[in-house]
Protein backbone atom coordinates (compact mmCIF):
# COMPACT_ATOMS: atom_id res chain seq x y z
CA MET A 1 0.00 0.00 0.00
CA ALA A 2 1.47 3.34 -1.06
CA SER A 3 1.33 6.41 1.10
CA THR A 4 2.49 9.99 1.03
CA PHE A 5 5.67 8.76 2.69
CA SER A 6 6.72 6.71 -0.36
CA CYS A 7 9.21 9.14 -1.84
CA PRO A 8 11.18 12.02 -0.30
CA LEU A 9 10.55 15.36 -1.98
CA GLU A 10 13.03 18.12 -2.67
CA CYS A 11 13.10 20.78 0.04
CA PRO A 12 11.87 24.10 -1.40
CA ARG A 13 14.28 26.04 0.84
CA CYS A 14 17.60 24.22 0.42
CA GLY A 15 17.00 21.80 -2.46
CA SER A 16 17.99 18.74 -0.43
CA LYS A 17 16.27 15.45 -1.12
CA HIS A 18 17.12 14.22 2.38
CA THR A 19 13.78 15.27 3.82
CA LEU A 20 11.31 13.72 6.27
CA PRO A 21 7.63 14.57 6.65
CA LEU A 22 6.76 16.26 9.92
CA SER A 23 5.29 13.41 11.95
CA LEU A 24 6.36 10.99 14.65
CA PHE A 25 5.51 8.08 12.35
CA ALA A 26 8.02 9.27 9.77
CA TYR A 27 10.74 9.48 12.42
CA ALA A 28 10.13 5.78 13.15
CA LEU A 29 10.79 5.07 9.45
CA LYS A 30 14.06 7.03 9.34
CA SER A 31 16.09 3.89 8.53
CA VAL A 32 13.87 3.32 5.49
CA TYR A 33 14.41 6.90 4.39
CA LYS A 34 18.19 6.54 4.81
CA LYS A 35 18.10 3.68 2.29
CA ILE A 36 15.98 5.75 -0.10
CA TRP A 37 18.38 8.70 0.27
CA ALA A 38 21.39 6.47 -0.44
CA ASP A 39 19.67 5.14 -3.57
CA LEU A 40 18.79 8.67 -4.70
CA ASP A 41 22.38 9.83 -4.15
CA ARG A 42 23.74 6.85 -6.11
CA LEU A 43 21.34 7.47 -9.00
CA GLU A 44 22.22 11.18 -9.06
CA GLU A 45 25.95 10.38 -9.16
CA GLU A 46 25.39 7.89 -12.00
CA LYS A 47 23.37 10.50 -13.93
CA GLN A 48 26.09 13.12 -13.48
CA GLN A 49 28.78 10.64 -14.59
CA GLU A 50 26.77 9.79 -17.72
CA GLN A 51 26.53 13.51 -18.53
CA VAL A 52 30.30 13.93 -18.08
CA ASP A 53 30.96 10.91 -20.27
CA GLU A 54 28.62 12.23 -22.97
CA LEU A 55 30.31 15.64 -22.93
CA SER A 56 33.79 14.11 -23.06
CA LYS A 57 32.76 12.15 -26.18
CA ARG A 58 31.76 15.41 -27.88
CA LEU A 59 35.01 17.23 -27.09
CA PRO A 60 38.00 16.67 -29.35
CA SER A 61 40.68 14.52 -27.79
CA GLU A 62 44.34 15.56 -27.44
CA SER A 63 45.34 13.25 -30.30
CA ASP A 64 42.80 14.94 -32.58
CA LYS A 65 44.40 18.33 -31.84
CA GLU A 66 47.86 17.14 -32.86
CA GLU A 67 46.73 16.05 -36.34
């Protein structure tokens, strides 16, 4: 059963995705949120690395400059 606690949302003030809803129930689920945050951080890092890789493919390499 899904609930409003299924996915952390980005904080409108600081932009962090490491947020918890304001309730005592959510505090009890903090270990679950820590796992979600770790997964979100890993996915964000993978996305950034893919963007870097894509940009590096578009840039001419050093060997291309020498020719």
